[in-house]
Amino acid sequence: MRALGVLVGAMVLITVLLTVRLVRLPLRGWTRAGAGVVAGISGTTTSIDGPPLALIYQHEPGPRVRATLAFFFLGGGLLSLTGLAAVGELRTQQAVTALALAP
C-alpha cells in the first residue's frame, strides 16, 4: 500500500510538472486510452483520477472538457464500484449512505 501511495503521488507531481512545462500531448486514441487507464487505476485505488485527464485536455475548450470529464467520472465511478463490489470491498451500508448523500 505504501508503494502504491508513493507511485500515485509521483504521478500527480509528474503531471503538475508536465503542465507547468506546457507539454501539449496530442488528443488521439492512444493518449486518451493511456490517460483513461492511469486515471482508472489511480481513481479506484486513491480517488485521484483527474491529473492524467487534465494533462491531455488542458488546451481544449471548456464545454468539451466538462462534457468529457462528466462522462468519464460517471462511467469510471460505476466501473470502480462494480469492481469493488465484485471483490467484496463494497458493503451495503456504504452504498446506502452514498445514495443518501448523492444530489
PDB file of N, CA and C in Angstrom:
ATOM      1  N   MET A   1       0.822  -1.194   0.000  1.00  0.00           N
ATOM      2  CA  MET A   1       0.000   0.000   0.000  1.00  0.00           C
ATOM      3  C   MET A   1       0.868   1.261   0.000  1.00  0.00           C
ATOM      4  N   ARG A   2       1.965   1.201   0.746  1.00  0.00           N
ATOM      5  CA  ARG A   2       2.854   2.365   0.795  1.00  0.00           C
ATOM      6  C   ARG A   2       3.452   2.661  -0.580  1.00  0.00           C
ATOM      7  N   ALA A   3       3.870   1.612  -1.282  1.00  0.00           N
ATOM      8  CA  ALA A   3       4.452   1.785  -2.612  1.00  0.00           C
ATOM      9  C   ALA A   3       3.428   2.366  -3.579  1.00  0.00           C
ATOM     10  N   LEU A   4       2.175   1.930  -3.460  1.00  0.00           N
ATOM     11  CA  LEU A   4       1.120   2.461  -4.317  1.00  0.00           C
ATOM     12  C   LEU A   4       0.898   3.939  -4.042  1.00  0.00           C
ATOM     13  N   GLY A   5       0.897   4.321  -2.773  1.00  0.00           N
ATOM     14  CA  GLY A   5       0.745   5.732  -2.414  1.00  0.00           C
ATOM     15  C   GLY A   5       1.868   6.590  -2.969  1.00  0.00           C
ATOM     16  N   VAL A   6       3.084   6.075  -2.878  1.00  0.00           N
ATOM     17  CA  VAL A   6       4.242   6.801  -3.421  1.00  0.00           C
ATOM     18  C   VAL A   6       4.128   6.905  -4.940  1.00  0.00           C
ATOM     19  N   LEU A   7       3.713   5.834  -5.589  1.00  0.00           N
ATOM     20  CA  LEU A   7       3.574   5.837  -7.048  1.00  0.00           C
ATOM     21  C   LEU A   7       2.523   6.851  -7.507  1.00  0.00           C
ATOM     22  N   VAL A   8       1.377   6.871  -6.867  1.00  0.00           N
ATOM     23  CA  VAL A   8       0.324   7.806  -7.251  1.00  0.00           C
ATOM     24  C   VAL A   8       0.750   9.238  -6.950  1.00  0.00           C
ATOM     25  N   GLY A   9       1.389   9.459  -5.827  1.00  0.00           N
ATOM     26  CA  GLY A   9       1.892  10.798  -5.514  1.00  0.00           C
ATOM     27  C   GLY A   9       2.892  11.278  -6.548  1.00  0.00           C
ATOM     28  N   ALA A  10       3.770  10.380  -6.975  1.00  0.00           N
ATOM     29  CA  ALA A  10       4.751  10.728  -8.013  1.00  0.00           C
ATOM     30  C   ALA A  10       4.046  11.053  -9.328  1.00  0.00           C
ATOM     31  N   MET A  11       2.993  10.293  -9.648  1.00  0.00           N
ATOM     32  CA  MET A  11       2.235  10.560 -10.861  1.00  0.00           C
ATOM     33  C   MET A  11       1.621  11.958 -10.845  1.00  0.00           C
ATOM     34  N   VAL A  12       1.059  12.341  -9.713  1.00  0.00           N
ATOM     35  CA  VAL A  12       0.459  13.670  -9.598  1.00  0.00           C
ATOM     36  C   VAL A  12       1.537  14.747  -9.768  1.00  0.00           C
ATOM     37  N   LEU A  13       2.671  14.568  -9.125  1.00  0.00           N
ATOM     38  CA  LEU A  13       3.748  15.555  -9.243  1.00  0.00           C
ATOM     39  C   LEU A  13       4.294  15.632 -10.667  1.00  0.00           C
ATOM     40  N   ILE A  14       4.420  14.508 -11.336  1.00  0.00           N
ATOM     41  CA  ILE A  14       4.887  14.500 -12.729  1.00  0.00           C
ATOM     42  C   ILE A  14       3.883  15.226 -13.625  1.00  0.00           C
ATOM     43  N   THR A  15       2.600  14.996 -13.386  1.00  0.00           N
ATOM     44  CA  THR A  15       1.573  15.677 -14.174  1.00  0.00           C
ATOM     45  C   THR A  15       1.645  17.179 -13.977  1.00  0.00           C
ATOM     46  N   VAL A  16       1.808  17.620 -12.742  1.00  0.00           N
ATOM     47  CA  VAL A  16       1.940  19.049 -12.471  1.00  0.00           C
ATOM     48  C   VAL A  16       3.166  19.612 -13.175  1.00  0.00           C
ATOM     49  N   LEU A  17       4.275  18.910 -13.100  1.00  0.00           N
ATOM     50  CA  LEU A  17       5.499  19.356 -13.764  1.00  0.00           C
ATOM     51  C   LEU A  17       5.301  19.461 -15.273  1.00  0.00           C
ATOM     52  N   LEU A  18       4.675  18.463 -15.873  1.00  0.00           N
ATOM     53  CA  LEU A  18       4.431  18.498 -17.316  1.00  0.00           C
ATOM     54  C   LEU A  18       3.499  19.647 -17.694  1.00  0.00           C
ATOM     55  N   THR A  19       2.525  19.932 -16.845  1.00  0.00           N
ATOM     56  CA  THR A  19       1.602  21.031 -17.114  1.00  0.00           C
ATOM     57  C   THR A  19       2.323  22.369 -17.020  1.00  0.00           C
ATOM     58  N   VAL A  20       3.163  22.539 -16.023  1.00  0.00           N
ATOM     59  CA  VAL A  20       3.916  23.773 -15.856  1.00  0.00           C
ATOM     60  C   VAL A  20       4.867  23.982 -17.037  1.00  0.00           C
ATOM     61  N   ARG A  21       5.442  22.903 -17.537  1.00  0.00           N
ATOM     62  CA  ARG A  21       6.373  22.979 -18.667  1.00  0.00           C
ATOM     63  C   ARG A  21       5.631  23.150 -19.992  1.00  0.00           C
ATOM     64  N   LEU A  22       4.318  23.234 -19.925  1.00  0.00           N
ATOM     65  CA  LEU A  22       3.467  23.437 -21.099  1.00  0.00           C
ATOM     66  C   LEU A  22       3.617  22.344 -22.153  1.00  0.00           C
ATOM     67  N   VAL A  23       3.711  21.116 -21.691  1.00  0.00           N
ATOM     68  CA  VAL A  23       3.737  19.980 -22.606  1.00  0.00           C
ATOM     69  C   VAL A  23       2.346  19.836 -23.201  1.00  0.00           C
ATOM     70  N   ARG A  24       2.285  19.690 -24.500  1.00  0.00           N
ATOM     71  CA  ARG A  24       0.991  19.521 -25.164  1.00  0.00           C
ATOM     72  C   ARG A  24       0.948  18.135 -25.803  1.00  0.00           C
ATOM     73  N   LEU A  25       0.195  17.250 -25.184  1.00  0.00           N
ATOM     74  CA  LEU A  25       0.058  15.903 -25.720  1.00  0.00           C
ATOM     75  C   LEU A  25      -1.027  15.904 -26.786  1.00  0.00           C
ATOM     76  N   PRO A  26      -0.819  15.156 -27.865  1.00  0.00           N
ATOM     77  CA  PRO A  26      -1.855  15.095 -28.898  1.00  0.00           C
ATOM     78  C   PRO A  26      -3.087  14.373 -28.363  1.00  0.00           C
ATOM     79  N   LEU A  27      -4.249  14.858 -28.737  1.00  0.00           N
ATOM     80  CA  LEU A  27      -5.505  14.256 -28.279  1.00  0.00           C
ATOM     81  C   LEU A  27      -5.905  13.176 -29.282  1.00  0.00           C
ATOM     82  N   ARG A  28      -5.269  12.033 -29.160  1.00  0.00           N
ATOM     83  CA  ARG A  28      -5.506  10.897 -30.058  1.00  0.00           C
ATOM     84  C   ARG A  28      -5.980   9.705 -29.244  1.00  0.00           C
ATOM     85  N   GLY A  29      -6.306   8.647 -29.949  1.00  0.00           N
ATOM     86  CA  GLY A  29      -6.808   7.446 -29.282  1.00  0.00           C
ATOM     87  C   GLY A  29      -5.866   6.882 -28.253  1.00  0.00           C
ATOM     88  N   TRP A  30      -4.575   6.806 -28.574  1.00  0.00           N
ATOM     89  CA  TRP A  30      -3.628   6.196 -27.637  1.00  0.00           C
ATOM     90  C   TRP A  30      -3.395   7.063 -26.409  1.00  0.00           C
ATOM     91  N   THR A  31      -3.434   8.407 -26.550  1.00  0.00           N
ATOM     92  CA  THR A  31      -3.254   9.257 -25.366  1.00  0.00           C
ATOM     93  C   THR A  31      -4.495   9.209 -24.487  1.00  0.00           C
ATOM     94  N   ARG A  32      -5.668   9.169 -25.113  1.00  0.00           N
ATOM     95  CA  ARG A  32      -6.910   9.059 -24.331  1.00  0.00           C
ATOM     96  C   ARG A  32      -6.971   7.726 -23.598  1.00  0.00           C
ATOM     97  N   ALA A  33      -6.617   6.664 -24.302  1.00  0.00           N
ATOM     98  CA  ALA A  33      -6.639   5.336 -23.672  1.00  0.00           C
ATOM     99  C   ALA A  33      -5.637   5.261 -22.525  1.00  0.00           C
ATOM    100  N   GLY A  34      -4.435   5.765 -22.750  1.00  0.00           N
ATOM    101  CA  GLY A  34      -3.419   5.751 -21.693  1.00  0.00           C
ATOM    102  C   GLY A  34      -3.841   6.556 -20.480  1.00  0.00           C
ATOM    103  N   ALA A  35      -4.373   7.760 -20.732  1.00  0.00           N
ATOM    104  CA  ALA A  35      -4.840   8.596 -19.626  1.00  0.00           C
ATOM    105  C   ALA A  35      -6.009   7.926 -18.904  1.00  0.00           C
ATOM    106  N   GLY A  36      -6.873   7.266 -19.660  1.00  0.00           N
ATOM    107  CA  GLY A  36      -8.007   6.578 -19.050  1.00  0.00           C
ATOM    108  C   GLY A  36      -7.590   5.424 -18.164  1.00  0.00           C
ATOM    109  N   VAL A  37      -6.616   4.665 -18.615  1.00  0.00           N
ATOM    110  CA  VAL A  37      -6.123   3.537 -17.820  1.00  0.00           C
ATOM    111  C   VAL A  37      -5.478   4.036 -16.527  1.00  0.00           C
ATOM    112  N   VAL A  38      -4.585   5.008 -16.663  1.00  0.00           N
ATOM    113  CA  VAL A  38      -3.908   5.549 -15.472  1.00  0.00           C
ATOM    114  C   VAL A  38      -4.922   6.188 -14.527  1.00  0.00           C
ATOM    115  N   ALA A  39      -5.860   6.953 -15.072  1.00  0.00           N
ATOM    116  CA  ALA A  39      -6.884   7.595 -14.238  1.00  0.00           C
ATOM    117  C   ALA A  39      -7.777   6.560 -13.566  1.00  0.00           C
ATOM    118  N   GLY A  40      -8.125   5.502 -14.289  1.00  0.00           N
ATOM    119  CA  GLY A  40      -8.972   4.462 -13.704  1.00  0.00           C
ATOM    120  C   GLY A  40      -8.302   3.746 -12.546  1.00  0.00           C
ATOM    121  N   ILE A  41      -7.045   3.415 -12.738  1.00  0.00           N
ATOM    122  CA  ILE A  41      -6.312   2.726 -11.670  1.00  0.00           C
ATOM    123  C   ILE A  41      -6.122   3.640 -10.470  1.00  0.00           C
ATOM    124  N   SER A  42      -5.663   4.854 -10.723  1.00  0.00           N
ATOM    125  CA  SER A  42      -5.423   5.758  -9.592  1.00  0.00           C
ATOM    126  C   SER A  42      -6.732   6.204  -8.949  1.00  0.00           C
ATOM    127  N   GLY A  43      -7.792   6.332  -9.735  1.00  0.00           N
ATOM    128  CA  GLY A  43      -9.086   6.711  -9.169  1.00  0.00           C
ATOM    129  C   GLY A  43      -9.658   5.641  -8.262  1.00  0.00           C
ATOM    130  N   THR A  44      -9.511   4.388  -8.662  1.00  0.00           N
ATOM    131  CA  THR A  44     -10.030   3.291  -7.849  1.00  0.00           C
ATOM    132  C   THR A  44      -9.215   3.108  -6.582  1.00  0.00           C
ATOM    133  N   THR A  45      -7.913   3.270  -6.684  1.00  0.00           N
ATOM    134  CA  THR A  45      -7.059   2.998  -5.526  1.00  0.00           C
ATOM    135  C   THR A  45      -6.924   4.184  -4.580  1.00  0.00           C
ATOM    136  N   THR A  46      -6.991   5.411  -5.110  1.00  0.00           N
ATOM    137  CA  THR A  46      -6.737   6.578  -4.256  1.00  0.00           C
ATOM    138  C   THR A  46      -7.754   7.707  -4.396  1.00  0.00           C
ATOM    139  N   SER A  47      -8.717   7.572  -5.285  1.00  0.00           N
ATOM    140  CA  SER A  47      -9.709   8.619  -5.568  1.00  0.00           C
ATOM    141  C   SER A  47      -9.093   9.865  -6.192  1.00  0.00           C
ATOM    142  N   ILE A  48      -7.932   9.731  -6.791  1.00  0.00           N
ATOM    143  CA  ILE A  48      -7.313  10.850  -7.510  1.00  0.00           C
ATOM    144  C   ILE A  48      -7.199  10.426  -8.969  1.00  0.00           C
ATOM    145  N   ASP A  49      -8.226  10.732  -9.759  1.00  0.00           N
ATOM    146  CA  ASP A  49      -8.189  10.306 -11.150  1.00  0.00           C
ATOM    147  C   ASP A  49      -8.117  11.453 -12.152  1.00  0.00           C
ATOM    148  N   GLY A  50      -8.081  12.669 -11.676  1.00  0.00           N
ATOM    149  CA  GLY A  50      -8.098  13.819 -12.569  1.00  0.00           C
ATOM    150  C   GLY A  50      -6.810  14.192 -13.275  1.00  0.00           C
ATOM    151  N   PRO A  51      -5.625  14.067 -12.642  1.00  0.00           N
ATOM    152  CA  PRO A  51      -4.408  14.584 -13.278  1.00  0.00           C
ATOM    153  C   PRO A  51      -4.106  14.073 -14.684  1.00  0.00           C
ATOM    154  N   PRO A  52      -4.223  12.778 -14.975  1.00  0.00           N
ATOM    155  CA  PRO A  52      -3.932  12.355 -16.346  1.00  0.00           C
ATOM    156  C   PRO A  52      -4.884  12.970 -17.372  1.00  0.00           C
ATOM    157  N   LEU A  53      -6.146  13.096 -16.983  1.00  0.00           N
ATOM    158  CA  LEU A  53      -7.126  13.691 -17.894  1.00  0.00           C
ATOM    159  C   LEU A  53      -6.897  15.189 -18.047  1.00  0.00           C
ATOM    160  N   ALA A  54      -6.546  15.842 -16.956  1.00  0.00           N
ATOM    161  CA  ALA A  54      -6.267  17.275 -17.024  1.00  0.00           C
ATOM    162  C   ALA A  54      -5.093  17.560 -17.947  1.00  0.00           C
ATOM    163  N   LEU A  55      -4.122  16.677 -17.957  1.00  0.00           N
ATOM    164  CA  LEU A  55      -2.943  16.865 -18.800  1.00  0.00           C
ATOM    165  C   LEU A  55      -3.297  16.807 -20.284  1.00  0.00           C
ATOM    166  N   ILE A  56      -4.123  15.852 -20.692  1.00  0.00           N
ATOM    167  CA  ILE A  56      -4.403  15.748 -22.123  1.00  0.00           C
ATOM    168  C   ILE A  56      -5.505  16.698 -22.590  1.00  0.00           C
ATOM    169  N   TYR A  57      -6.368  17.164 -21.685  1.00  0.00           N
ATOM    170  CA  TYR A  57      -7.458  18.063 -22.081  1.00  0.00           C
ATOM    171  C   TYR A  57      -7.210  19.522 -21.693  1.00  0.00           C
ATOM    172  N   GLN A  58      -6.024  19.874 -21.226  1.00  0.00           N
ATOM    173  CA  GLN A  58      -5.788  21.219 -20.705  1.00  0.00           C
ATOM    174  C   GLN A  58      -5.924  22.318 -21.753  1.00  0.00           C
ATOM    175  N   HIS A  59      -5.785  22.018 -23.030  1.00  0.00           N
ATOM    176  CA  HIS A  59      -5.864  23.047 -24.065  1.00  0.00           C
ATOM    177  C   HIS A  59      -7.180  22.993 -24.842  1.00  0.00           C
ATOM    178  N   GLU A  60      -8.119  22.204 -24.395  1.00  0.00           N
ATOM    179  CA  GLU A  60      -9.409  22.073 -25.074  1.00  0.00           C
ATOM    180  C   GLU A  60     -10.405  23.107 -24.542  1.00  0.00           C
ATOM    181  N   PRO A  61     -11.439  23.429 -25.333  1.00  0.00           N
ATOM    182  CA  PRO A  61     -12.453  24.391 -24.875  1.00  0.00           C
ATOM    183  C   PRO A  61     -13.233  23.853 -23.670  1.00  0.00           C
ATOM    184  N   GLY A  62     -13.687  24.769 -22.823  1.00  0.00           N
ATOM    185  CA  GLY A  62     -14.397  24.415 -21.591  1.00  0.00           C
ATOM    186  C   GLY A  62     -15.563  23.453 -21.760  1.00  0.00           C
ATOM    187  N   PRO A  63     -16.483  23.704 -22.688  1.00  0.00           N
ATOM    188  CA  PRO A  63     -17.618  22.780 -22.826  1.00  0.00           C
ATOM    189  C   PRO A  63     -17.197  21.348 -23.158  1.00  0.00           C
ATOM    190  N   ARG A  64     -16.169  21.201 -23.972  1.00  0.00           N
ATOM    191  CA  ARG A  64     -15.697  19.858 -24.318  1.00  0.00           C
ATOM    192  C   ARG A  64     -15.071  19.177 -23.100  1.00  0.00           C
ATOM    193  N   VAL A  65     -14.299  19.919 -22.333  1.00  0.00           N
ATOM    194  CA  VAL A  65     -13.669  19.360 -21.139  1.00  0.00           C
ATOM    195  C   VAL A  65     -14.730  18.932 -20.129  1.00  0.00           C
ATOM    196  N   ARG A  66     -15.701  19.792 -19.886  1.00  0.00           N
ATOM    197  CA  ARG A  66     -16.747  19.469 -18.903  1.00  0.00           C
ATOM    198  C   ARG A  66     -17.550  18.241 -19.315  1.00  0.00           C
ATOM    199  N   ALA A  67     -17.928  18.163 -20.582  1.00  0.00           N
ATOM    200  CA  ALA A  67     -18.703  17.016 -21.050  1.00  0.00           C
ATOM    201  C   ALA A  67     -17.891  15.730 -20.962  1.00  0.00           C
ATOM    202  N   THR A  68     -16.637  15.796 -21.361  1.00  0.00           N
ATOM    203  CA  THR A  68     -15.781  14.613 -21.333  1.00  0.00           C
ATOM    204  C   THR A  68     -15.546  14.139 -19.907  1.00  0.00           C
ATOM    205  N   LEU A  69     -15.219  15.068 -19.016  1.00  0.00           N
ATOM    206  CA  LEU A  69     -14.946  14.688 -17.630  1.00  0.00           C
ATOM    207  C   LEU A  69     -16.191  14.157 -16.938  1.00  0.00           C
ATOM    208  N   ALA A  70     -17.334  14.762 -17.202  1.00  0.00           N
ATOM    209  CA  ALA A  70     -18.578  14.285 -16.579  1.00  0.00           C
ATOM    210  C   ALA A  70     -18.857  12.839 -16.983  1.00  0.00           C
ATOM    211  N   PHE A  71     -18.719  12.549 -18.269  1.00  0.00           N
ATOM    212  CA  PHE A  71     -18.950  11.188 -18.748  1.00  0.00           C
ATOM    213  C   PHE A  71     -17.919  10.224 -18.177  1.00  0.00           C
ATOM    214  N   PHE A  72     -16.656  10.633 -18.176  1.00  0.00           N
ATOM    215  CA  PHE A  72     -15.593   9.774 -17.659  1.00  0.00           C
ATOM    216  C   PHE A  72     -15.791   9.464 -16.181  1.00  0.00           C
ATOM    217  N   PHE A  73     -16.066  10.493 -15.383  1.00  0.00           N
ATOM    218  CA  PHE A  73     -16.215  10.274 -13.948  1.00  0.00           C
ATOM    219  C   PHE A  73     -17.439   9.426 -13.629  1.00  0.00           C
ATOM    220  N   LEU A  74     -18.520   9.603 -14.364  1.00  0.00           N
ATOM    221  CA  LEU A  74     -19.705   8.766 -14.147  1.00  0.00           C
ATOM    222  C   LEU A  74     -19.400   7.315 -14.500  1.00  0.00           C
ATOM    223  N   GLY A  75     -18.895   7.095 -15.712  1.00  0.00           N
ATOM    224  CA  GLY A  75     -18.586   5.726 -16.140  1.00  0.00           C
ATOM    225  C   GLY A  75     -17.501   5.085 -15.301  1.00  0.00           C
ATOM    226  N   GLY A  76     -16.435   5.835 -15.034  1.00  0.00           N
ATOM    227  CA  GLY A  76     -15.339   5.305 -14.226  1.00  0.00           C
ATOM    228  C   GLY A  76     -15.775   4.986 -12.806  1.00  0.00           C
ATOM    229  N   GLY A  77     -16.596   5.849 -12.237  1.00  0.00           N
ATOM    230  CA  GLY A  77     -17.093   5.604 -10.888  1.00  0.00           C
ATOM    231  C   GLY A  77     -17.944   4.345 -10.814  1.00  0.00           C
ATOM    232  N   LEU A  78     -18.804   4.163 -11.812  1.00  0.00           N
ATOM    233  CA  LEU A  78     -19.634   2.959 -11.833  1.00  0.00           C
ATOM    234  C   LEU A  78     -18.787   1.695 -12.014  1.00  0.00           C
ATOM    235  N   LEU A  79     -17.778   1.775 -12.884  1.00  0.00           N
ATOM    236  CA  LEU A  79     -16.885   0.618 -13.055  1.00  0.00           C
ATOM    237  C   LEU A  79     -16.098   0.322 -11.784  1.00  0.00           C
ATOM    238  N   SER A  80     -15.628   1.354 -11.116  1.00  0.00           N
ATOM    239  CA  SER A  80     -14.888   1.157  -9.863  1.00  0.00           C
ATOM    240  C   SER A  80     -15.769   0.525  -8.800  1.00  0.00           C
ATOM    241  N   LEU A  81     -16.988   1.024  -8.668  1.00  0.00           N
ATOM    242  CA  LEU A  81     -17.905   0.458  -7.672  1.00  0.00           C
ATOM    243  C   LEU A  81     -18.255  -0.987  -7.998  1.00  0.00           C
ATOM    244  N   THR A  82     -18.435  -1.278  -9.275  1.00  0.00           N
ATOM    245  CA  THR A  82     -18.726  -2.656  -9.684  1.00  0.00           C
ATOM    246  C   THR A  82     -17.557  -3.572  -9.331  1.00  0.00           C
ATOM    247  N   GLY A  83     -16.346  -3.119  -9.629  1.00  0.00           N
ATOM    248  CA  GLY A  83     -15.163  -3.916  -9.298  1.00  0.00           C
ATOM    249  C   GLY A  83     -15.004  -4.121  -7.806  1.00  0.00           C
ATOM    250  N   LEU A  84     -15.211  -3.064  -7.038  1.00  0.00           N
ATOM    251  CA  LEU A  84     -15.099  -3.184  -5.584  1.00  0.00           C
ATOM    252  C   LEU A  84     -16.168  -4.122  -5.019  1.00  0.00           C
ATOM    253  N   ALA A  85     -17.382  -4.040  -5.556  1.00  0.00           N
ATOM    254  CA  ALA A  85     -18.448  -4.933  -5.098  1.00  0.00           C
ATOM    255  C   ALA A  85     -18.132  -6.383  -5.459  1.00  0.00           C
ATOM    256  N   ALA A  86     -17.546  -6.597  -6.631  1.00  0.00           N
ATOM    257  CA  ALA A  86     -17.236  -7.962  -7.087  1.00  0.00           C
ATOM    258  C   ALA A  86     -16.216  -8.660  -6.190  1.00  0.00           C
ATOM    259  N   VAL A  87     -15.318  -7.876  -5.589  1.00  0.00           N
ATOM    260  CA  VAL A  87     -14.310  -8.492  -4.716  1.00  0.00           C
ATOM    261  C   VAL A  87     -14.659  -8.342  -3.235  1.00  0.00           C
ATOM    262  N   GLY A  88     -15.878  -7.908  -2.955  1.00  0.00           N
ATOM    263  CA  GLY A  88     -16.346  -7.840  -1.579  1.00  0.00           C
ATOM    264  C   GLY A  88     -15.876  -6.635  -0.785  1.00  0.00           C
ATOM    265  N   GLU A  89     -15.449  -5.590  -1.460  1.00  0.00           N
ATOM    266  CA  GLU A  89     -14.961  -4.403  -0.753  1.00  0.00           C
ATOM    267  C   GLU A  89     -15.992  -3.273  -0.699  1.00  0.00           C
ATOM    268  N   LEU A  90     -17.205  -3.519  -1.185  1.00  0.00           N
ATOM    269  CA  LEU A  90     -18.272  -2.520  -1.122  1.00  0.00           C
ATOM    270  C   LEU A  90     -19.410  -3.111  -0.311  1.00  0.00           C
ATOM    271  N   ARG A  91     -19.654  -2.536   0.837  1.00  0.00           N
ATOM    272  CA  ARG A  91     -20.682  -3.030   1.743  1.00  0.00           C
ATOM    273  C   ARG A  91     -22.018  -2.340   1.462  1.00  0.00           C
ATOM    274  N   THR A  92     -23.101  -3.005   1.805  1.00  0.00           N
ATOM    275  CA  THR A  92     -24.438  -2.468   1.578  1.00  0.00           C
ATOM    276  C   THR A  92     -24.617  -1.135   2.292  1.00  0.00           C
ATOM    277  N   GLN A  93     -24.157  -1.035   3.531  1.00  0.00           N
ATOM    278  CA  GLN A  93     -24.311   0.209   4.287  1.00  0.00           C
ATOM    279  C   GLN A  93     -23.575   1.359   3.605  1.00  0.00           C
ATOM    280  N   GLN A  94     -22.420   1.101   3.035  1.00  0.00           N
ATOM    281  CA  GLN A  94     -21.690   2.137   2.311  1.00  0.00           C
ATOM    282  C   GLN A  94     -22.479   2.613   1.091  1.00  0.00           C
ATOM    283  N   ALA A  95     -23.067   1.686   0.359  1.00  0.00           N
ATOM    284  CA  ALA A  95     -23.860   2.048  -0.820  1.00  0.00           C
ATOM    285  C   ALA A  95     -25.097   2.847  -0.424  1.00  0.00           C
ATOM    286  N   VAL A  96     -25.762   2.450   0.655  1.00  0.00           N
ATOM    287  CA  VAL A  96     -26.956   3.169   1.121  1.00  0.00           C
ATOM    288  C   VAL A  96     -26.578   4.596   1.553  1.00  0.00           C
ATOM    289  N   THR A  97     -25.492   4.736   2.276  1.00  0.00           N
ATOM    290  CA  THR A  97     -25.041   6.052   2.707  1.00  0.00           C
ATOM    291  C   THR A  97     -24.685   6.925   1.507  1.00  0.00           C
ATOM    292  N   ALA A  98     -23.986   6.359   0.530  1.00  0.00           N
ATOM    293  CA  ALA A  98     -23.617   7.110  -0.671  1.00  0.00           C
ATOM    294  C   ALA A  98     -24.840   7.578  -1.431  1.00  0.00           C
ATOM    295  N   LEU A  99     -25.830   6.718  -1.567  1.00  0.00           N
ATOM    296  CA  LEU A  99     -27.072   7.108  -2.268  1.00  0.00           C
ATOM    297  C   LEU A  99     -27.809   8.206  -1.507  1.00  0.00           C
ATOM    298  N   ALA A 100     -27.791   8.128  -0.194  1.00  0.00           N
ATOM    299  CA  ALA A 100     -28.455   9.159   0.611  1.00  0.00           C
ATOM    300  C   ALA A 100     -27.763  10.511   0.471  1.00  0.00           C
ATOM    301  N   LEU A 101     -26.453  10.505   0.268  1.00  0.00           N
ATOM    302  CA  LEU A 101     -25.692  11.748   0.159  1.00  0.00           C
ATOM    303  C   LEU A 101     -25.600  12.263  -1.277  1.00  0.00           C
ATOM    304  N   ALA A 102     -26.005  11.450  -2.249  1.00  0.00           N
ATOM    305  CA  ALA A 102     -25.927  11.874  -3.649  1.00  0.00           C
ATOM    306  C   ALA A 102     -26.945  12.988  -3.908  1.00  0.00           C
ATOM    307  N   PRO A 103     -26.582  13.952  -4.742  1.00  0.00           N
ATOM    308  CA  PRO A 103     -27.537  15.044  -5.034  1.00  0.00           C
ATOM    309  C   PRO A 103     -28.737  14.544  -5.801  1.00  0.00           C
TER     310      PRO A 103
END
